[in-house]
C-alpha atoms as a PDB file:
ATOM      1  CA  MET A   1      88.369-120.921-116.075  1.00  0.00           C
ATOM      2  CA  SER A   2      88.879-124.396-114.517  1.00  0.00           C
ATOM      3  CA  ASP A   3      86.127-126.969-114.204  1.00  0.00           C
ATOM      4  CA  LEU A   4      86.221-126.493-110.427  1.00  0.00           C
ATOM      5  CA  GLU A   5      85.716-122.766-110.717  1.00  0.00           C
ATOM      6  CA  GLY A   6      82.787-123.411-113.066  1.00  0.00           C
ATOM      7  CA  GLU A   7      81.288-125.829-110.594  1.00  0.00           C
ATOM      8  CA  GLU A   8      81.719-123.306-107.734  1.00  0.00           C
ATOM      9  CA  THR A   9      80.112-120.588-109.820  1.00  0.00           C
ATOM     10  CA  PHE A  10      77.219-122.891-110.681  1.00  0.00           C
ATOM     11  CA  ASP A  11      76.761-123.839-107.015  1.00  0.00           C
ATOM     12  CA  GLU A  12      76.754-120.204-105.949  1.00  0.00           C
ATOM     13  CA  GLU A  13      74.105-119.363-108.546  1.00  0.00           C
ATOM     14  CA  GLU A  14      72.028-122.355-107.457  1.00  0.00           C
ATOM     15  CA  VAL A  15      72.298-121.384-103.782  1.00  0.00           C
ATOM     16  CA  GLY A  16      71.353-117.822-104.656  1.00  0.00           C
ATOM     17  CA  ALA A  17      68.293-118.999-106.565  1.00  0.00           C
ATOM     18  CA  GLU A  18      67.279-121.231-103.672  1.00  0.00           C
ATOM     19  CA  GLU A  19      67.681-118.367-101.196  1.00  0.00           C
ATOM     20  CA  ALA A  20      65.639-116.082-103.452  1.00  0.00           C
ATOM     21  CA  GLY A  21      62.950-118.761-103.716  1.00  0.00           C
ATOM     22  CA  GLU A  22      62.880-119.189 -99.962  1.00  0.00           C
ATOM     23  CA  GLU A  23      62.605-115.431 -99.503  1.00  0.00           C
ATOM     24  CA  GLU A  24      59.711-115.305-101.982  1.00  0.00           C
ATOM     25  CA  GLN A  25      58.016-118.213-100.171  1.00  0.00           C
ATOM     26  CA  LEU A  26      58.493-116.447 -96.834  1.00  0.00           C
ATOM     27  CA  ASP A  27      57.080-113.255 -98.328  1.00  0.00           C
ATOM     28  CA  GLU A  28      54.034-115.164 -99.598  1.00  0.00           C
ATOM     29  CA  GLU A  29      53.545-116.887 -96.213  1.00  0.00           C
ATOM     30  CA  GLU A  30      53.883-113.568 -94.410  1.00  0.00           C
ATOM     31  CA  LYS A  31      51.397-112.048 -96.847  1.00  0.00           C
ATOM     32  CA  GLU A  32      48.938-114.923 -96.308  1.00  0.00           C
ATOM     33  CA  LEU A  33      49.416-114.637 -92.557  1.00  0.00           C
ATOM     34  CA  GLY A  34      48.890-110.909 -92.822  1.00  0.00           C
ATOM     35  CA  ASP A  35      45.726-111.440 -94.862  1.00  0.00           C
ATOM     36  CA  GLU A  36      44.417-113.925 -92.288  1.00  0.00           C
ATOM     37  CA  GLU A  37      45.211-111.554 -89.440  1.00  0.00           C
ATOM     38  CA  GLN A  38      43.542-108.725 -91.334  1.00  0.00           C
ATOM     39  CA  ALA A  39      40.444-110.879 -91.948  1.00  0.00           C
ATOM     40  CA  GLU A  40      40.346-111.842 -88.259  1.00  0.00           C
ATOM     41  CA  ASP A  41      40.756-108.198 -87.271  1.00  0.00           C
ATOM     42  CA  GLU A  42      37.950-107.204 -89.646  1.00  0.00           C
ATOM     43  CA  GLN A  43      35.716-109.949 -88.212  1.00  0.00           C
ATOM     44  CA  VAL A  44      36.461-108.790 -84.669  1.00  0.00           C
ATOM     45  CA  GLU A  45      35.764-105.206 -85.692  1.00  0.00           C
ATOM     46  CA  GLU A  46      32.463-106.261 -87.286  1.00  0.00           C
ATOM     47  CA  GLU A  47      31.486-108.170 -84.153  1.00  0.00           C
ATOM     48  CA  GLU A  48      32.453-105.217 -81.987  1.00  0.00           C
ATOM     49  CA  GLU A  49      30.495-102.857 -84.214  1.00  0.00           C
ATOM     50  CA  GLU A  50      27.521-105.244 -84.147  1.00  0.00           C
ATOM     51  CA  LYS A  51      27.720-105.700 -80.385  1.00  0.00           C
ATOM     52  CA  PRO A  52      25.873-102.744 -78.911  1.00  0.00           C
ATOM     53  CA  PRO A  53      27.042-101.199 -75.649  1.00  0.00           C
ATOM     54  CA  ALA A  54      25.408-102.643 -72.541  1.00  0.00           C
ATOM     55  CA  ASN A  55      22.180-100.843 -71.808  1.00  0.00           C
ATOM     56  CA  PRO A  56      20.046-102.808 -69.337  1.00  0.00           C
ATOM     57  CA  LEU A  57      16.433-102.073 -68.572  1.00  0.00           C
ATOM     58  CA  THR A  58      16.470-100.114 -65.316  1.00  0.00           C
ATOM     59  CA  GLU A  59      13.968 -99.239 -62.622  1.00  0.00           C
ATOM     60  CA  GLU A  60      13.969 -95.647 -63.893  1.00  0.00           C
ATOM     61  CA  ILE A  61      12.960 -96.767 -67.410  1.00  0.00           C
ATOM     62  CA  MET A  62      10.415 -99.156 -65.901  1.00  0.00           C
ATOM     63  CA  ALA A  63       8.815 -96.287 -63.976  1.00  0.00           C
ATOM     64  CA  GLU A  64       8.357 -94.396 -67.259  1.00  0.00           C
ATOM     65  CA  SER A  65       7.122 -97.413 -69.211  1.00  0.00           C
ATOM     66  CA  LEU A  66       4.520 -99.066 -66.983  1.00  0.00           C
ATOM     67  CA  SER A  67       0.807 -98.394 -67.347  1.00  0.00           C
ATOM     68  CA  LEU A  68      -2.678 -99.915 -66.975  1.00  0.00           C
ATOM     69  CA  LEU A  69      -3.224-100.538 -63.282  1.00  0.00           C
ATOM     70  CA  CYS A  70      -5.309-103.693 -62.689  1.00  0.00           C
ATOM     71  CA  LYS A  71      -6.209-106.056 -59.910  1.00  0.00           C
ATOM     72  CA  THR A  72      -3.866-108.985 -59.411  1.00  0.00           C
ATOM     73  CA  GLY A  73      -4.990-112.603 -59.486  1.00  0.00           C
ATOM     74  CA  ASP A  74      -6.010-112.716 -55.851  1.00  0.00           C
ATOM     75  CA  GLY A  75      -8.158-109.594 -56.303  1.00  0.00           C
ATOM     76  CA  LEU A  76      -6.742-108.053 -53.133  1.00  0.00           C
ATOM     77  CA  SER A  77      -4.029-105.839 -54.621  1.00  0.00           C
ATOM     78  CA  HIS A  78      -3.173-103.922 -57.802  1.00  0.00           C
ATOM     79  CA  ALA A  79      -0.259-103.908 -60.229  1.00  0.00           C
ATOM     80  CA  TYR A  80       0.662-102.331 -63.538  1.00  0.00           C
ATOM     81  CA  VAL A  81       0.172-104.873 -66.301  1.00  0.00           C
ATOM     82  CA  ARG A  82       1.358-103.056 -69.438  1.00  0.00           C
ATOM     83  CA  LEU A  83       4.999-102.397 -70.343  1.00  0.00           C
ATOM     84  CA  ASP A  84       6.113-100.415 -73.399  1.00  0.00           C
ATOM     85  CA  THR A  85       9.878-100.005 -73.786  1.00  0.00           C
ATOM     86  CA  HIS A  86      10.135 -99.866 -77.580  1.00  0.00           C
ATOM     87  CA  ASP A  87      13.007 -98.037 -79.299  1.00  0.00           C
ATOM     88  CA  ARG A  88      15.299 -97.557 -76.293  1.00  0.00           C
ATOM     89  CA  GLU A  89      18.361 -99.618 -77.425  1.00  0.00           C
ATOM     90  CA  ILE A  90      17.946-101.945 -74.441  1.00  0.00           C
ATOM     91  CA  THR A  91      20.240-104.989 -74.344  1.00  0.00           C
ATOM     92  CA  ASP A  92      19.155-106.726 -71.113  1.00  0.00           C
ATOM     93  CA  ILE A  93      15.666-107.235 -69.645  1.00  0.00           C
ATOM     94  CA  GLY A  94      16.683-109.329 -66.636  1.00  0.00           C
ATOM     95  CA  ILE A  95      14.853-106.941 -64.315  1.00  0.00           C
ATOM     96  CA  LEU A  96      11.512-108.193 -65.690  1.00  0.00           C
ATOM     97  CA  LYS A  97      11.796-111.397 -63.672  1.00  0.00           C
ATOM     98  CA  GLY A  98      10.445-109.414 -60.733  1.00  0.00           C
ATOM     99  CA  PHE A  99       7.393-108.041 -62.565  1.00  0.00           C
ATOM    100  CA  ILE A 100       5.349-111.221 -62.709  1.00  0.00           C
ATOM    101  CA  HIS A 101       1.985-109.476 -63.148  1.00  0.00           C
ATOM    102  CA  LEU A 102       2.780-108.030 -66.592  1.00  0.00           C
ATOM    103  CA  ARG A 103       0.282-109.059 -69.285  1.00  0.00           C
ATOM    104  CA  TYR A 104       1.102-106.811 -72.263  1.00  0.00           C
ATOM    105  CA  VAL A 105       4.798-106.449 -73.117  1.00  0.00           C
ATOM    106  CA  ASP A 106       6.283-104.395 -75.958  1.00  0.00           C
ATOM    107  CA  VAL A 107      10.090-104.519 -76.309  1.00  0.00           C
ATOM    108  CA  THR A 108      10.153-103.682 -80.029  1.00  0.00           C
ATOM    109  CA  LYS A 109      13.110-101.857 -81.617  1.00  0.00           C
ATOM    110  CA  ASN A 110      15.780-102.667 -79.068  1.00  0.00           C
ATOM    111  CA  ASN A 111      19.056-104.623 -79.141  1.00  0.00           C
ATOM    112  CA  LEU A 112      17.888-107.763 -77.372  1.00  0.00           C
ATOM    113  CA  LYS A 113      19.537-111.109 -78.026  1.00  0.00           C
ATOM    114  CA  ASP A 114      17.933-112.898 -75.077  1.00  0.00           C
ATOM    115  CA  ILE A 115      14.332-112.694 -73.888  1.00  0.00           C
ATOM    116  CA  SER A 116      14.406-115.665 -71.494  1.00  0.00           C
ATOM    117  CA  PRO A 117      13.583-113.407 -68.487  1.00  0.00           C
ATOM    118  CA  LEU A 118      10.073-113.185 -69.959  1.00  0.00           C
ATOM    119  CA  CYS A 119       9.491-116.805 -68.908  1.00  0.00           C
ATOM    120  CA  ALA A 120       8.790-115.496 -65.406  1.00  0.00           C
ATOM    121  CA  LEU A 121       5.780-113.547 -66.716  1.00  0.00           C
ATOM    122  CA  THR A 122       3.301-116.404 -66.585  1.00  0.00           C
ATOM    123  CA  HIS A 123       0.310-114.043 -66.917  1.00  0.00           C
ATOM    124  CA  MET A 124       1.515-112.528 -70.204  1.00  0.00           C
ATOM    125  CA  LEU A 125      -1.165-112.262 -72.910  1.00  0.00           C
ATOM    126  CA  THR A 126       0.611-110.263 -75.636  1.00  0.00           C
ATOM    127  CA  LEU A 127       4.296-110.053 -76.579  1.00  0.00           C
ATOM    128  CA  LYS A 128       5.797-107.747 -79.209  1.00  0.00           C
ATOM    129  CA  ALA A 129       9.526-108.289 -79.702  1.00  0.00           C
ATOM    130  CA  ASP A 130       9.955-107.069 -83.289  1.00  0.00           C
ATOM    131  CA  GLU A 131      13.174-105.501 -84.627  1.00  0.00           C
ATOM    132  CA  ASN A 132      15.673-106.901 -82.163  1.00  0.00           C
ATOM    133  CA  MET A 133      18.680-109.235 -82.556  1.00  0.00           C
ATOM    134  CA  LEU A 134      16.990-112.492 -81.585  1.00  0.00           C
ATOM    135  CA  THR A 135      18.096-115.781 -83.146  1.00  0.00           C
ATOM    136  CA  SER A 136      15.317-117.827 -81.518  1.00  0.00           C
ATOM    137  CA  ALA A 137      11.710-117.316 -80.443  1.00  0.00           C
ATOM    138  CA  LYS A 138      11.919-120.160 -77.949  1.00  0.00           C
ATOM    139  CA  LEU A 139      10.335-119.556 -74.551  1.00  0.00           C
ATOM    140  CA  GLU A 140       9.122-121.863 -71.841  1.00  0.00           C
ATOM    141  CA  GLU A 141       5.445-122.670 -72.261  1.00  0.00           C
ATOM    142  CA  MET A 142       3.436-119.519 -71.501  1.00  0.00           C
ATOM    143  CA  PRO A 143      -0.031-120.672 -70.366  1.00  0.00           C
ATOM    144  CA  PHE A 144      -1.969-117.528 -71.325  1.00  0.00           C
ATOM    145  CA  LEU A 145       0.020-116.042 -74.215  1.00  0.00           C
ATOM    146  CA  GLN A 146      -2.324-115.269 -77.123  1.00  0.00           C
ATOM    147  CA  VAL A 147      -0.332-113.025 -79.484  1.00  0.00           C
ATOM    148  CA  ALA A 148       3.424-113.177 -80.126  1.00  0.00           C
ATOM    149  CA  SER A 149       5.300-111.102 -82.701  1.00  0.00           C
ATOM    150  CA  PHE A 150       8.999-111.564 -83.568  1.00  0.00           C
ATOM    151  CA  SER A 151       9.266-109.921 -87.005  1.00  0.00           C
ATOM    152  CA  HIS A 152      12.530-108.427 -88.291  1.00  0.00           C
ATOM    153  CA  ASN A 153      14.910-110.442 -86.118  1.00  0.00           C
ATOM    154  CA  ARG A 154      17.504-113.115 -86.995  1.00  0.00           C
ATOM    155  CA  ILE A 155      15.467-116.153 -86.016  1.00  0.00           C
ATOM    156  CA  ASN A 156      16.456-119.265 -87.974  1.00  0.00           C
ATOM    157  CA  ASN A 157      14.047-121.908 -86.659  1.00  0.00           C
ATOM    158  CA  THR A 158      10.531-122.430 -85.302  1.00  0.00           C
ATOM    159  CA  GLU A 159      11.405-124.701 -82.401  1.00  0.00           C
ATOM    160  CA  GLY A 160      10.156-124.165 -78.864  1.00  0.00           C
ATOM    161  CA  ILE A 161       6.909-122.315 -79.672  1.00  0.00           C
ATOM    162  CA  ASN A 162       4.245-124.375 -77.925  1.00  0.00           C
ATOM    163  CA  HIS A 163       1.992-122.004 -76.001  1.00  0.00           C
ATOM    164  CA  PRO A 164      -1.454-123.616 -75.590  1.00  0.00           C
ATOM    165  CA  ASN A 165      -3.502-120.398 -75.955  1.00  0.00           C
ATOM    166  CA  LEU A 166      -1.449-118.833 -78.749  1.00  0.00           C
ATOM    167  CA  GLU A 167      -3.726-117.514 -81.514  1.00  0.00           C
ATOM    168  CA  ILE A 168      -1.462-115.291 -83.648  1.00  0.00           C
ATOM    169  CA  LEU A 169       2.240-115.861 -84.342  1.00  0.00           C
ATOM    170  CA  ASN A 170       4.269-113.401 -86.439  1.00  0.00           C
ATOM    171  CA  LEU A 171       7.727-114.511 -87.634  1.00  0.00           C
ATOM    172  CA  ASN A 172       7.951-112.270 -90.699  1.00  0.00           C
ATOM    173  CA  ASN A 173      11.326-111.191 -92.076  1.00  0.00           C
ATOM    174  CA  ASN A 174      13.656-113.602 -90.332  1.00  0.00           C
ATOM    175  CA  ASN A 175      16.100-116.304 -91.544  1.00  0.00           C
ATOM    176  CA  ILE A 176      13.877-119.380 -91.334  1.00  0.00           C
ATOM    177  CA  SER A 177      14.579-121.929 -94.090  1.00  0.00           C
ATOM    178  CA  HIS A 178      12.470-124.825 -92.794  1.00  0.00           C
ATOM    179  CA  VAL A 179       9.498-125.139 -90.458  1.00  0.00           C
ATOM    180  CA  SER A 180       9.721-127.728 -87.695  1.00  0.00           C
ATOM    181  CA  GLY A 181       8.727-128.180 -84.069  1.00  0.00           C
ATOM    182  CA  LEU A 182       5.243-126.651 -84.284  1.00  0.00           C
ATOM    183  CA  ASP A 183       3.237-129.119 -82.229  1.00  0.00           C
ATOM    184  CA  ALA A 184      -0.366-129.345 -83.439  1.00  0.00           C
ATOM    185  CA  SER A 185      -1.421-131.051 -80.205  1.00  0.00           C
ATOM    186  CA  LYS A 186      -0.363-127.963 -78.241  1.00  0.00           C
ATOM    187  CA  LEU A 187      -1.017-125.153 -80.739  1.00  0.00           C
ATOM    188  CA  THR A 188      -4.697-126.024 -81.008  1.00  0.00           C
ATOM    189  CA  ARG A 189      -5.831-122.381 -80.919  1.00  0.00           C
ATOM    190  CA  LEU A 190      -3.310-120.963 -83.374  1.00  0.00           C
ATOM    191  CA  HIS A 191      -5.344-119.519 -86.259  1.00  0.00           C
ATOM    192  CA  THR A 192      -2.878-117.121 -87.920  1.00  0.00           C
ATOM    193  CA  LEU A 193       0.760-117.831 -88.794  1.00  0.00           C
ATOM    194  CA  GLU A 194       2.917-115.238 -90.590  1.00  0.00           C
ATOM    195  CA  LEU A 195       6.198-116.292 -92.182  1.00  0.00           C
ATOM    196  CA  ARG A 196       6.649-113.666 -94.897  1.00  0.00           C
ATOM    197  CA  GLY A 197      10.138-112.682 -95.985  1.00  0.00           C
ATOM    198  CA  ASN A 198      12.037-115.754 -94.806  1.00  0.00           C
ATOM    199  CA  ARG A 199      14.057-118.380 -96.728  1.00  0.00           C
ATOM    200  CA  LEU A 200      11.489-121.136 -97.112  1.00  0.00           C
ATOM    201  CA  GLU A 201      11.713-123.326-100.217  1.00  0.00           C
ATOM    202  CA  SER A 202       8.738-125.521 -99.332  1.00  0.00           C
ATOM    203  CA  THR A 203       5.541-125.417 -97.296  1.00  0.00           C
ATOM    204  CA  ASP A 204       6.458-128.692 -95.617  1.00  0.00           C
ATOM    205  CA  GLY A 205       6.457-128.835 -91.816  1.00  0.00           C
ATOM    206  CA  ILE A 206       3.395-126.682 -91.188  1.00  0.00           C
ATOM    207  CA  TYR A 207       1.195-129.456 -89.815  1.00  0.00           C
ATOM    208  CA  LEU A 208      -1.523-127.417 -88.096  1.00  0.00           C
ATOM    209  CA  PRO A 209      -5.051-128.593 -88.965  1.00  0.00           C
ATOM    210  CA  ASN A 210      -6.704-125.796 -86.961  1.00  0.00           C
ATOM    211  CA  LEU A 211      -4.783-123.016 -88.728  1.00  0.00           C
ATOM    212  CA  LYS A 212      -7.021-120.638 -90.702  1.00  0.00           C
ATOM    213  CA  ASN A 213      -4.674-117.980 -92.121  1.00  0.00           C
ATOM    214  CA  LEU A 214      -1.194-118.696 -93.469  1.00  0.00           C
ATOM    215  CA  PHE A 215       1.060-115.952 -94.888  1.00  0.00           C
ATOM    216  CA  LEU A 216       4.137-117.203 -96.796  1.00  0.00           C
ATOM    217  CA  GLY A 217       4.812-114.372 -99.234  1.00  0.00           C
ATOM    218  CA  ALA A 218       8.305-113.246-100.278  1.00  0.00           C
ATOM    219  CA  ASN A 219      10.076-116.547 -99.655  1.00  0.00           C
ATOM    220  CA  MET A 220      11.788-118.911-102.134  1.00  0.00           C
ATOM    221  CA  ILE A 221       9.027-121.531-102.227  1.00  0.00           C
ATOM    222  CA  ARG A 222       9.041-123.834-105.252  1.00  0.00           C
ATOM    223  CA  ARG A 223       6.969-126.728-103.902  1.00  0.00           C
ATOM    224  CA  LEU A 224       3.645-127.017-102.105  1.00  0.00           C
ATOM    225  CA  GLU A 225       3.923-129.867 -99.617  1.00  0.00           C
ATOM    226  CA  GLY A 226       1.960-130.986 -96.578  1.00  0.00           C
ATOM    227  CA  MET A 227      -1.201-129.200 -97.705  1.00  0.00           C
ATOM    228  CA  SER A 228      -3.398-132.123 -96.616  1.00  0.00           C
ATOM    229  CA  ARG A 229      -2.389-131.338 -93.022  1.00  0.00           C
ATOM    230  CA  LEU A 230      -3.955-127.861 -93.289  1.00  0.00           C
ATOM    231  CA  SER A 231      -7.584-128.907 -93.433  1.00  0.00           C
ATOM    232  CA  GLY A 232      -8.921-125.834 -91.610  1.00  0.00           C
ATOM    233  CA  LEU A 233      -7.153-123.252 -93.770  1.00  0.00           C
ATOM    234  CA  THR A 234      -9.352-120.524 -95.282  1.00  0.00           C
ATOM    235  CA  THR A 235      -6.683-118.052 -96.478  1.00  0.00           C
ATOM    236  CA  LEU A 236      -3.325-118.865 -98.070  1.00  0.00           C
ATOM    237  CA  HIS A 237      -0.860-116.155 -99.189  1.00  0.00           C
ATOM    238  CA  LEU A 238       1.998-117.328-101.436  1.00  0.00           C
ATOM    239  CA  ARG A 239       2.782-114.068-103.209  1.00  0.00           C
ATOM    240  CA  ASP A 240       6.266-113.428-104.631  1.00  0.00           C
ATOM    241  CA  ASN A 241       7.678-116.946-104.531  1.00  0.00           C
ATOM    242  CA  GLN A 242       9.037-119.264-107.267  1.00  0.00           C
ATOM    243  CA  ILE A 243       6.060-121.556-107.844  1.00  0.00           C
ATOM    244  CA  ASP A 244       5.649-122.670-111.475  1.00  0.00           C
ATOM    245  CA  ASN A 245       2.894-125.278-111.057  1.00  0.00           C
ATOM    246  CA  LEU A 246      -0.115-125.804-108.803  1.00  0.00           C
ATOM    247  CA  GLU A 247       0.628-129.342-107.681  1.00  0.00           C
ATOM    248  CA  GLY A 248       0.241-129.981-103.978  1.00  0.00           C
ATOM    249  CA  PHE A 249      -3.213-128.688-103.099  1.00  0.00           C
ATOM    250  CA  ALA A 250      -5.280-131.396-101.393  1.00  0.00           C
ATOM    251  CA  GLU A 251      -8.898-132.509-101.203  1.00  0.00           C
ATOM    252  CA  GLU A 252      -8.651-132.163 -97.422  1.00  0.00           C
ATOM    253  CA  GLN A 253      -8.520-128.382 -97.894  1.00  0.00           C
ATOM    254  CA  GLY A 254     -12.271-128.116 -98.174  1.00  0.00           C
ATOM    255  CA  MET A 255     -12.393-124.809 -96.267  1.00  0.00           C
ATOM    256  CA  LEU A 256      -9.907-122.876 -98.420  1.00  0.00           C
ATOM    257  CA  GLN A 257     -11.565-119.746 -99.848  1.00  0.00           C
ATOM    258  CA  TYR A 258      -8.736-117.393-100.877  1.00  0.00           C
ATOM    259  CA  VAL A 259      -5.380-118.170-102.487  1.00  0.00           C
ATOM    260  CA  ASN A 260      -2.875-115.464-103.405  1.00  0.00           C
ATOM    261  CA  LEU A 261      -0.260-116.603-105.950  1.00  0.00           C
ATOM    262  CA  ARG A 262       0.624-113.191-107.353  1.00  0.00           C
ATOM    263  CA  GLY A 263       4.203-112.771-108.529  1.00  0.00           C
ATOM    264  CA  ASN A 264       5.078-116.426-109.163  1.00  0.00           C
ATOM    265  CA  ASN A 265       6.118-118.344-112.320  1.00  0.00           C
ATOM    266  CA  VAL A 266       2.929-120.154-113.390  1.00  0.00           C
ATOM    267  CA  SER A 267       2.967-120.176-117.211  1.00  0.00           C
ATOM    268  CA  ASN A 268       0.308-122.734-118.207  1.00  0.00           C
ATOM    269  CA  ILE A 269      -3.341-121.777-117.803  1.00  0.00           C
ATOM    270  CA  LYS A 270      -4.245-125.476-117.482  1.00  0.00           C
ATOM    271  CA  GLU A 271      -2.594-125.469-114.048  1.00  0.00           C
ATOM    272  CA  CYS A 272      -5.792-123.842-112.774  1.00  0.00           C
ATOM    273  CA  ASN A 273      -7.578-127.168-113.261  1.00  0.00           C
ATOM    274  CA  LYS A 274      -5.607-128.458-110.278  1.00  0.00           C
ATOM    275  CA  LEU A 275      -7.572-126.094-108.050  1.00  0.00           C
ATOM    276  CA  LYS A 276     -10.903-127.738-108.858  1.00  0.00           C
ATOM    277  CA  LEU A 277     -10.553-129.910-105.765  1.00  0.00           C
ATOM    278  CA  LEU A 278     -11.026-126.790-103.588  1.00  0.00           C
ATOM    279  CA  PRO A 279     -14.844-126.576-103.411  1.00  0.00           C
ATOM    280  CA  LYS A 280     -15.007-123.306-101.471  1.00  0.00           C
ATOM    281  CA  LEU A 281     -12.391-121.369-103.430  1.00  0.00           C
ATOM    282  CA  ARG A 282     -13.960-118.013-104.220  1.00  0.00           C
ATOM    283  CA  ALA A 283     -11.039-115.593-104.654  1.00  0.00           C
ATOM    284  CA  LEU A 284      -7.764-116.150-106.487  1.00  0.00           C
ATOM    285  CA  ALA A 285      -4.804-113.875-107.268  1.00  0.00           C
ATOM    286  CA  LEU A 286      -2.600-114.825-110.234  1.00  0.00           C
ATOM    287  CA  GLY A 287      -1.428-111.431-111.448  1.00  0.00           C
ATOM    288  CA  GLU A 288       2.269-110.995-112.269  1.00  0.00           C
ATOM    289  CA  ASN A 289       2.491-114.626-113.416  1.00  0.00           C
ATOM    290  CA  PRO A 290       3.226-115.410-117.093  1.00  0.00           C
ATOM    291  CA  ILE A 291      -0.349-116.688-117.565  1.00  0.00           C
ATOM    292  CA  ALA A 292      -1.727-113.266-116.686  1.00  0.00           C
ATOM    293  CA  GLU A 293      -0.283-111.984-119.975  1.00  0.00           C
ATOM    294  CA  GLU A 294      -2.268-114.466-122.077  1.00  0.00           C
ATOM    295  CA  ASP A 295      -5.312-113.490-124.124  1.00  0.00           C
ATOM    296  CA  ASP A 296      -8.627-114.197-122.397  1.00  0.00           C
ATOM    297  CA  TYR A 297      -6.749-114.839-119.121  1.00  0.00           C
ATOM    298  CA  ARG A 298      -9.723-113.962-116.925  1.00  0.00           C
ATOM    299  CA  LEU A 299     -12.151-115.971-119.016  1.00  0.00           C
ATOM    300  CA  GLU A 300      -9.937-119.064-119.178  1.00  0.00           C
ATOM    301  CA  VAL A 301      -9.484-119.097-115.395  1.00  0.00           C
ATOM    302  CA  LEU A 302     -13.253-118.850-114.919  1.00  0.00           C
ATOM    303  CA  ILE A 303     -13.856-121.699-117.370  1.00  0.00           C
ATOM    304  CA  SER A 304     -11.606-123.900-115.216  1.00  0.00           C
ATOM    305  CA  LEU A 305     -12.989-122.652-111.880  1.00  0.00           C
ATOM    306  CA  ARG A 306     -16.634-121.820-112.453  1.00  0.00           C
ATOM    307  CA  SER A 307     -17.442-121.125-108.780  1.00  0.00           C
ATOM    308  CA  LEU A 308     -14.740-118.452-108.581  1.00  0.00           C
ATOM    309  CA  GLU A 309     -16.128-115.011-107.684  1.00  0.00           C
ATOM    310  CA  ARG A 310     -13.029-112.826-107.894  1.00  0.00           C
ATOM    311  CA  LEU A 311      -9.774-112.979-109.842  1.00  0.00           C
ATOM    312  CA  ASP A 312      -7.018-110.654-108.682  1.00  0.00           C
ATOM    313  CA  LYS A 313      -8.805-107.471-107.550  1.00  0.00           C
ATOM    314  CA  ASP A 314     -11.892-107.645-109.764  1.00  0.00           C
ATOM    315  CA  GLU A 315     -15.092-109.616-109.298  1.00  0.00           C
ATOM    316  CA  TYR A 316     -16.444-111.531-112.260  1.00  0.00           C
ATOM    317  CA  THR A 317     -19.414-109.932-113.988  1.00  0.00           C
ATOM    318  CA  GLY A 318     -22.583-111.712-115.051  1.00  0.00           C
ATOM    319  CA  GLU A 319     -21.547-111.327-118.683  1.00  0.00           C
ATOM    320  CA  GLU A 320     -18.166-112.972-118.050  1.00  0.00           C
ATOM    321  CA  ARG A 321     -19.857-115.809-116.200  1.00  0.00           C
ATOM    322  CA  SER A 322     -22.385-116.393-119.005  1.00  0.00           C
ATOM    323  CA  GLU A 323     -19.640-116.370-121.633  1.00  0.00           C
ATOM    324  CA  ALA A 324     -17.586-118.828-119.609  1.00  0.00           C
ATOM    325  CA  GLU A 325     -20.582-121.154-119.312  1.00  0.00           C
ATOM    326  CA  GLU A 326     -21.205-121.019-123.075  1.00  0.00           C
ATOM    327  CA  ILE A 327     -17.578-121.737-123.923  1.00  0.00           C
ATOM    328  CA  HIS A 328     -17.418-124.532-121.382  1.00  0.00           C
ATOM    329  CA  GLU A 329     -20.545-126.171-122.826  1.00  0.00           C
ATOM    330  CA  GLN A 330     -19.264-125.739-126.378  1.00  0.00           C
ATOM    331  CA  ARG A 331     -15.964-127.404-125.505  1.00  0.00           C
ATOM    332  CA  ARG A 332     -17.778-130.215-123.736  1.00  0.00           C
ATOM    333  CA  GLN A 333     -19.853-130.889-126.852  1.00  0.00           C
ATOM    334  CA  GLU A 334     -16.727-130.860-129.012  1.00  0.00           C
ATOM    335  CA  GLU A 335     -15.048-133.376-126.727  1.00  0.00           C
ATOM    336  CA  LEU A 336     -18.092-135.638-126.853  1.00  0.00           C
ATOM    337  CA  ALA A 337     -18.190-135.373-130.650  1.00  0.00           C
ATOM    338  CA  ASN A 338     -14.528-136.280-130.858  1.00  0.00           C
ATOM    339  CA  GLU A 339     -15.227-139.305-128.688  1.00  0.00           C
ATOM    340  CA  GLY A 340     -18.199-140.249-130.919  1.00  0.00           C
ATOM    341  CA  VAL A 341     -20.784-139.810-128.123  1.00  0.00           C
ATOM    342  CA  THR A 342     -24.122-138.117-128.892  1.00  0.00           C
ATOM    343  CA  GLU A 343     -26.002-135.825-126.546  1.00  0.00           C
ATOM    344  CA  GLU A 344     -28.834-138.410-126.278  1.00  0.00           C
ATOM    345  CA  GLU A 345     -26.384-141.092-125.183  1.00  0.00           C
ATOM    346  CA  THR A 346     -24.922-138.724-122.607  1.00  0.00           C
ATOM    347  CA  VAL A 347     -28.396-138.036-121.177  1.00  0.00           C
ATOM    348  CA  GLU A 348     -29.175-141.758-121.079  1.00  0.00           C
ATOM    349  CA  LYS A 349     -25.969-142.470-119.178  1.00  0.00           C
ATOM    350  CA  GLN A 350     -26.774-139.713-116.686  1.00  0.00           C
ATOM    351  CA  ASP A 351     -30.283-141.133-116.174  1.00  0.00           C
END
């Protein structure tokens, strides 16, 4: 074989390898393109499956759902003021713009993504919109709204909730990761806020000094922040979070009576000393924390918090209280002895 023939053979092999490589590259690109198209098709299918068929609220359904005939504002005519359309797979409530006298509205268990037509109902007192497909609870300011419930939706923020007479707000089981936009100057009557089952990692942003009851169980809270802005709070639920210390409580929380910390990660019994600045604390839940497994758990908590009346579900007995007092006094004497201070000197200093 001549050198030329060898070169031609080599070139042909090289060209063949290049063509094979190009074919493999094309196959890979086609496969990637096919995968992308398949992913897009799957996404479209998911969106189509998620998008319920149009099912607007109709006059026929309204006729079945209205009740409670009352006088209107002028006192000269009557109108139905209660609407209950729960569990009807409704997707559109635009018709409600014409029913301005409604006061009690229940649209629970439907397929609503938009409740803006409710802004026309300026006399509304109670709204239940649980178990829908809402991503926001924002409504124009409703002057008389007292109770609003949006649990089990897809709401991811707390913006646009500034109704001056709102007393109870339920946002349980949504996708809220941070609280913002709650205006204390407008929500002056809000006494109960429920945010269980969301994605909160901190208590920051809840700046409502008139709030009395705050429910934050089943979140991912690790830090207690902004507590000094909750001076009117009497009940705080933090069950089933990821709290491992009790930093963050504030002296301003002089009204706080009940704290539920069940199911967290507190492992040091000395953390209870950080609750001494809560003068009215009477009931505390710490079960399902590592400290609850320690010997003399109940007694040690009472020694730290001697005004406590109930731990978990059980009230303290007189015997437990007496024992806690004795141990506390014994430890105090030991500390004084270690410091070289006599009881007489202590009395003199107190005098």
